[in-house]
Amino acid sequence: MQRQGGGSIVSIGSVLGLKAALAFPVHPYAVAKAGVAMLTKTIAVHYAKDGIRCNG
């Protein structure tokens, strides 16, 4: 994507990656989705200068 001058990355997340839930045993799923959400934000910030968008 850097060589071609840009592109788009789309990740699939869940509200459980952003908010706490009382339902047990959701925590492994929530941790995984929180990781996807933060990775998406980090990629978006890091590669914005190269014209690469990352949305979730």
PDB file of N, CA and C in Angstrom:
ATOM      1  N   MET A   1       0.827  -1.194   0.000  1.00  0.00           N
ATOM      2  CA  MET A   1       0.000   0.000   0.000  1.00  0.00           C
ATOM      3  C   MET A   1       0.867   1.251   0.000  1.00  0.00           C
ATOM      4  N   GLN A   2       1.987   1.200   0.682  1.00  0.00           N
ATOM      5  CA  GLN A   2       2.861   2.367   0.686  1.00  0.00           C
ATOM      6  C   GLN A   2       3.399   2.636  -0.713  1.00  0.00           C
ATOM      7  N   ARG A   3       3.787   1.586  -1.422  1.00  0.00           N
ATOM      8  CA  ARG A   3       4.328   1.755  -2.773  1.00  0.00           C
ATOM      9  C   ARG A   3       3.297   2.296  -3.746  1.00  0.00           C
ATOM     10  N   GLN A   4       2.040   1.914  -3.576  1.00  0.00           N
ATOM     11  CA  GLN A   4       1.004   2.378  -4.505  1.00  0.00           C
ATOM     12  C   GLN A   4       0.411   3.716  -4.090  1.00  0.00           C
ATOM     13  N   GLY A   5       0.848   4.275  -2.966  1.00  0.00           N
ATOM     14  CA  GLY A   5       0.420   5.606  -2.560  1.00  0.00           C
ATOM     15  C   GLY A   5      -0.819   5.667  -1.699  1.00  0.00           C
ATOM     16  N   GLY A   6      -1.228   4.556  -1.144  1.00  0.00           N
ATOM     17  CA  GLY A   6      -2.371   4.590  -0.233  1.00  0.00           C
ATOM     18  C   GLY A   6      -3.234   3.359  -0.347  1.00  0.00           C
ATOM     19  N   GLY A   7      -4.270   3.357   0.470  1.00  0.00           N
ATOM     20  CA  GLY A   7      -5.197   2.242   0.479  1.00  0.00           C
ATOM     21  C   GLY A   7      -6.058   2.284   1.721  1.00  0.00           C
ATOM     22  N   SER A   8      -6.846   1.260   1.895  1.00  0.00           N
ATOM     23  CA  SER A   8      -7.767   1.198   3.030  1.00  0.00           C
ATOM     24  C   SER A   8      -7.691  -0.163   3.704  1.00  0.00           C
ATOM     25  N   ILE A   9      -7.750  -0.140   5.024  1.00  0.00           N
ATOM     26  CA  ILE A   9      -7.813  -1.347   5.836  1.00  0.00           C
ATOM     27  C   ILE A   9      -9.069  -1.226   6.683  1.00  0.00           C
ATOM     28  N   VAL A  10      -9.876  -2.271   6.703  1.00  0.00           N
ATOM     29  CA  VAL A  10     -11.095  -2.269   7.509  1.00  0.00           C
ATOM     30  C   VAL A  10     -11.019  -3.440   8.480  1.00  0.00           C
ATOM     31  N   SER A  11     -11.195  -3.146   9.761  1.00  0.00           N
ATOM     32  CA  SER A  11     -11.215  -4.217  10.762  1.00  0.00           C
ATOM     33  C   SER A  11     -12.632  -4.365  11.306  1.00  0.00           C
ATOM     34  N   ILE A  12     -12.921  -5.556  11.760  1.00  0.00           N
ATOM     35  CA  ILE A  12     -14.240  -5.848  12.309  1.00  0.00           C
ATOM     36  C   ILE A  12     -14.112  -5.958  13.823  1.00  0.00           C
ATOM     37  N   GLY A  13     -14.823  -5.113  14.527  1.00  0.00           N
ATOM     38  CA  GLY A  13     -14.756  -5.108  15.983  1.00  0.00           C
ATOM     39  C   GLY A  13     -16.106  -5.367  16.604  1.00  0.00           C
ATOM     40  N   SER A  14     -16.204  -4.985  17.851  1.00  0.00           N
ATOM     41  CA  SER A  14     -17.433  -5.190  18.603  1.00  0.00           C
ATOM     42  C   SER A  14     -17.487  -4.164  19.718  1.00  0.00           C
ATOM     43  N   VAL A  15     -18.675  -3.839  20.158  1.00  0.00           N
ATOM     44  CA  VAL A  15     -18.824  -2.910  21.268  1.00  0.00           C
ATOM     45  C   VAL A  15     -18.177  -3.477  22.539  1.00  0.00           C
ATOM     46  N   LEU A  16     -18.061  -4.796  22.624  1.00  0.00           N
ATOM     47  CA  LEU A  16     -17.433  -5.398  23.805  1.00  0.00           C
ATOM     48  C   LEU A  16     -15.945  -5.081  23.899  1.00  0.00           C
ATOM     49  N   GLY A  17     -15.350  -4.613  22.815  1.00  0.00           N
ATOM     50  CA  GLY A  17     -13.967  -4.168  22.871  1.00  0.00           C
ATOM     51  C   GLY A  17     -13.827  -2.772  23.432  1.00  0.00           C
ATOM     52  N   LEU A  18     -14.938  -2.077  23.575  1.00  0.00           N
ATOM     53  CA  LEU A  18     -14.919  -0.689  24.032  1.00  0.00           C
ATOM     54  C   LEU A  18     -15.578  -0.482  25.388  1.00  0.00           C
ATOM     55  N   LYS A  19     -16.449  -1.388  25.795  1.00  0.00           N
ATOM     56  CA  LYS A  19     -17.196  -1.238  27.049  1.00  0.00           C
ATOM     57  C   LYS A  19     -17.110  -2.522  27.860  1.00  0.00           C
ATOM     58  N   ALA A  20     -17.141  -2.368  29.150  1.00  0.00           N
ATOM     59  CA  ALA A  20     -17.125  -3.538  30.029  1.00  0.00           C
ATOM     60  C   ALA A  20     -18.491  -4.219  30.015  1.00  0.00           C
ATOM     61  N   ALA A  21     -18.473  -5.521  30.181  1.00  0.00           N
ATOM     62  CA  ALA A  21     -19.718  -6.290  30.216  1.00  0.00           C
ATOM     63  C   ALA A  21     -19.742  -7.142  31.474  1.00  0.00           C
ATOM     64  N   LEU A  22     -20.905  -7.299  32.035  1.00  0.00           N
ATOM     65  CA  LEU A  22     -21.053  -8.108  33.234  1.00  0.00           C
ATOM     66  C   LEU A  22     -21.194  -9.593  32.918  1.00  0.00           C
ATOM     67  N   ALA A  23     -21.555  -9.892  31.701  1.00  0.00           N
ATOM     68  CA  ALA A  23     -21.762 -11.294  31.326  1.00  0.00           C
ATOM     69  C   ALA A  23     -20.443 -12.060  31.401  1.00  0.00           C
ATOM     70  N   PHE A  24     -20.459 -13.146  32.074  1.00  0.00           N
ATOM     71  CA  PHE A  24     -19.275 -13.988  32.201  1.00  0.00           C
ATOM     72  C   PHE A  24     -19.537 -15.235  31.383  1.00  0.00           C
ATOM     73  N   PRO A  25     -18.719 -15.780  30.650  1.00  0.00           N
ATOM     74  CA  PRO A  25     -17.284 -15.617  30.405  1.00  0.00           C
ATOM     75  C   PRO A  25     -16.971 -14.862  29.110  1.00  0.00           C
ATOM     76  N   VAL A  26     -17.347 -13.648  29.010  1.00  0.00           N
ATOM     77  CA  VAL A  26     -17.123 -12.835  27.818  1.00  0.00           C
ATOM     78  C   VAL A  26     -15.717 -12.246  27.779  1.00  0.00           C
ATOM     79  N   HIS A  27     -15.009 -12.250  28.875  1.00  0.00           N
ATOM     80  CA  HIS A  27     -13.748 -11.519  28.955  1.00  0.00           C
ATOM     81  C   HIS A  27     -12.703 -11.911  27.905  1.00  0.00           C
ATOM     82  N   PRO A  28     -12.504 -13.171  27.523  1.00  0.00           N
ATOM     83  CA  PRO A  28     -11.511 -13.443  26.470  1.00  0.00           C
ATOM     84  C   PRO A  28     -11.892 -12.784  25.139  1.00  0.00           C
ATOM     85  N   TYR A  29     -13.163 -12.817  24.810  1.00  0.00           N
ATOM     86  CA  TYR A  29     -13.659 -12.185  23.588  1.00  0.00           C
ATOM     87  C   TYR A  29     -13.458 -10.673  23.663  1.00  0.00           C
ATOM     88  N   ALA A  30     -13.796 -10.080  24.804  1.00  0.00           N
ATOM     89  CA  ALA A  30     -13.664  -8.632  24.977  1.00  0.00           C
ATOM     90  C   ALA A  30     -12.210  -8.191  24.875  1.00  0.00           C
ATOM     91  N   VAL A  31     -11.303  -8.948  25.456  1.00  0.00           N
ATOM     92  CA  VAL A  31      -9.875  -8.622  25.381  1.00  0.00           C
ATOM     93  C   VAL A  31      -9.395  -8.671  23.932  1.00  0.00           C
ATOM     94  N   ALA A  32      -9.811  -9.682  23.199  1.00  0.00           N
ATOM     95  CA  ALA A  32      -9.415  -9.799  21.797  1.00  0.00           C
ATOM     96  C   ALA A  32      -9.942  -8.626  20.974  1.00  0.00           C
ATOM     97  N   LYS A  33     -11.191  -8.257  21.194  1.00  0.00           N
ATOM     98  CA  LYS A  33     -11.778  -7.146  20.441  1.00  0.00           C
ATOM     99  C   LYS A  33     -11.153  -5.810  20.834  1.00  0.00           C
ATOM    100  N   ALA A  34     -10.784  -5.648  22.093  1.00  0.00           N
ATOM    101  CA  ALA A  34     -10.095  -4.427  22.525  1.00  0.00           C
ATOM    102  C   ALA A  34      -8.735  -4.328  21.836  1.00  0.00           C
ATOM    103  N   GLY A  35      -8.067  -5.463  21.692  1.00  0.00           N
ATOM    104  CA  GLY A  35      -6.792  -5.482  20.979  1.00  0.00           C
ATOM    105  C   GLY A  35      -6.947  -5.088  19.526  1.00  0.00           C
ATOM    106  N   VAL A  36      -7.987  -5.575  18.883  1.00  0.00           N
ATOM    107  CA  VAL A  36      -8.262  -5.212  17.489  1.00  0.00           C
ATOM    108  C   VAL A  36      -8.540  -3.714  17.384  1.00  0.00           C
ATOM    109  N   ALA A  37      -9.305  -3.173  18.325  1.00  0.00           N
ATOM    110  CA  ALA A  37      -9.637  -1.741  18.308  1.00  0.00           C
ATOM    111  C   ALA A  37      -8.379  -0.886  18.453  1.00  0.00           C
ATOM    112  N   MET A  38      -7.489  -1.248  19.370  1.00  0.00           N
ATOM    113  CA  MET A  38      -6.270  -0.459  19.566  1.00  0.00           C
ATOM    114  C   MET A  38      -5.309  -0.617  18.393  1.00  0.00           C
ATOM    115  N   LEU A  39      -5.210  -1.819  17.840  1.00  0.00           N
ATOM    116  CA  LEU A  39      -4.373  -2.027  16.663  1.00  0.00           C
ATOM    117  C   LEU A  39      -4.875  -1.182  15.499  1.00  0.00           C
ATOM    118  N   THR A  40      -6.178  -1.115  15.317  1.00  0.00           N
ATOM    119  CA  THR A  40      -6.772  -0.310  14.258  1.00  0.00           C
ATOM    120  C   THR A  40      -6.415   1.161  14.428  1.00  0.00           C
ATOM    121  N   LYS A  41      -6.543   1.677  15.637  1.00  0.00           N
ATOM    122  CA  LYS A  41      -6.207   3.084  15.904  1.00  0.00           C
ATOM    123  C   LYS A  41      -4.722   3.353  15.682  1.00  0.00           C
ATOM    124  N   THR A  42      -3.877   2.429  16.134  1.00  0.00           N
ATOM    125  CA  THR A  42      -2.434   2.598  15.988  1.00  0.00           C
ATOM    126  C   THR A  42      -2.024   2.599  14.523  1.00  0.00           C
ATOM    127  N   ILE A  43      -2.568   1.678  13.747  1.00  0.00           N
ATOM    128  CA  ILE A  43      -2.267   1.633  12.313  1.00  0.00           C
ATOM    129  C   ILE A  43      -2.746   2.912  11.635  1.00  0.00           C
ATOM    130  N   ALA A  44      -3.933   3.382  11.995  1.00  0.00           N
ATOM    131  CA  ALA A  44      -4.482   4.607  11.395  1.00  0.00           C
ATOM    132  C   ALA A  44      -3.563   5.797  11.633  1.00  0.00           C
ATOM    133  N   VAL A  45      -3.077   5.945  12.850  1.00  0.00           N
ATOM    134  CA  VAL A  45      -2.198   7.075  13.183  1.00  0.00           C
ATOM    135  C   VAL A  45      -0.846   6.929  12.486  1.00  0.00           C
ATOM    136  N   HIS A  46      -0.297   5.735  12.518  1.00  0.00           N
ATOM    137  CA  HIS A  46       1.051   5.510  11.994  1.00  0.00           C
ATOM    138  C   HIS A  46       1.128   5.656  10.476  1.00  0.00           C
ATOM    139  N   TYR A  47       0.132   5.172   9.763  1.00  0.00           N
ATOM    140  CA  TYR A  47       0.195   5.144   8.305  1.00  0.00           C
ATOM    141  C   TYR A  47      -0.616   6.239   7.614  1.00  0.00           C
ATOM    142  N   ALA A  48      -1.198   7.148   8.361  1.00  0.00           N
ATOM    143  CA  ALA A  48      -1.966   8.237   7.746  1.00  0.00           C
ATOM    144  C   ALA A  48      -1.100   9.056   6.794  1.00  0.00           C
ATOM    145  N   LYS A  49       0.146   9.253   7.154  1.00  0.00           N
ATOM    146  CA  LYS A  49       1.056  10.052   6.326  1.00  0.00           C
ATOM    147  C   LYS A  49       1.322   9.417   4.964  1.00  0.00           C
ATOM    148  N   ASP A  50       1.094   8.116   4.860  1.00  0.00           N
ATOM    149  CA  ASP A  50       1.295   7.392   3.606  1.00  0.00           C
ATOM    150  C   ASP A  50       0.006   7.238   2.802  1.00  0.00           C
ATOM    151  N   GLY A  51      -1.067   7.874   3.253  1.00  0.00           N
ATOM    152  CA  GLY A  51      -2.338   7.789   2.547  1.00  0.00           C
ATOM    153  C   GLY A  51      -3.082   6.489   2.789  1.00  0.00           C
ATOM    154  N   ILE A  52      -2.726   5.802   3.878  1.00  0.00           N
ATOM    155  CA  ILE A  52      -3.381   4.540   4.211  1.00  0.00           C
ATOM    156  C   ILE A  52      -4.374   4.789   5.335  1.00  0.00           C
ATOM    157  N   ARG A  53      -5.649   4.492   5.070  1.00  0.00           N
ATOM    158  CA  ARG A  53      -6.698   4.651   6.075  1.00  0.00           C
ATOM    159  C   ARG A  53      -6.956   3.315   6.739  1.00  0.00           C
ATOM    160  N   CYS A  54      -7.234   3.357   8.025  1.00  0.00           N
ATOM    161  CA  CYS A  54      -7.580   2.147   8.756  1.00  0.00           C
ATOM    162  C   CYS A  54      -8.785   2.464   9.631  1.00  0.00           C
ATOM    163  N   ASN A  55      -9.882   1.799   9.364  1.00  0.00           N
ATOM    164  CA  ASN A  55     -11.124   2.044  10.092  1.00  0.00           C
ATOM    165  C   ASN A  55     -11.661   0.736  10.642  1.00  0.00           C
ATOM    166  N   GLY A  56     -12.388   0.856  11.747  1.00  0.00           N
ATOM    167  CA  GLY A  56     -12.979  -0.344  12.334  1.00  0.00           C
ATOM    168  C   GLY A  56     -14.398  -0.096  12.742  1.00  0.00           C
TER     169      GLY A  56
END
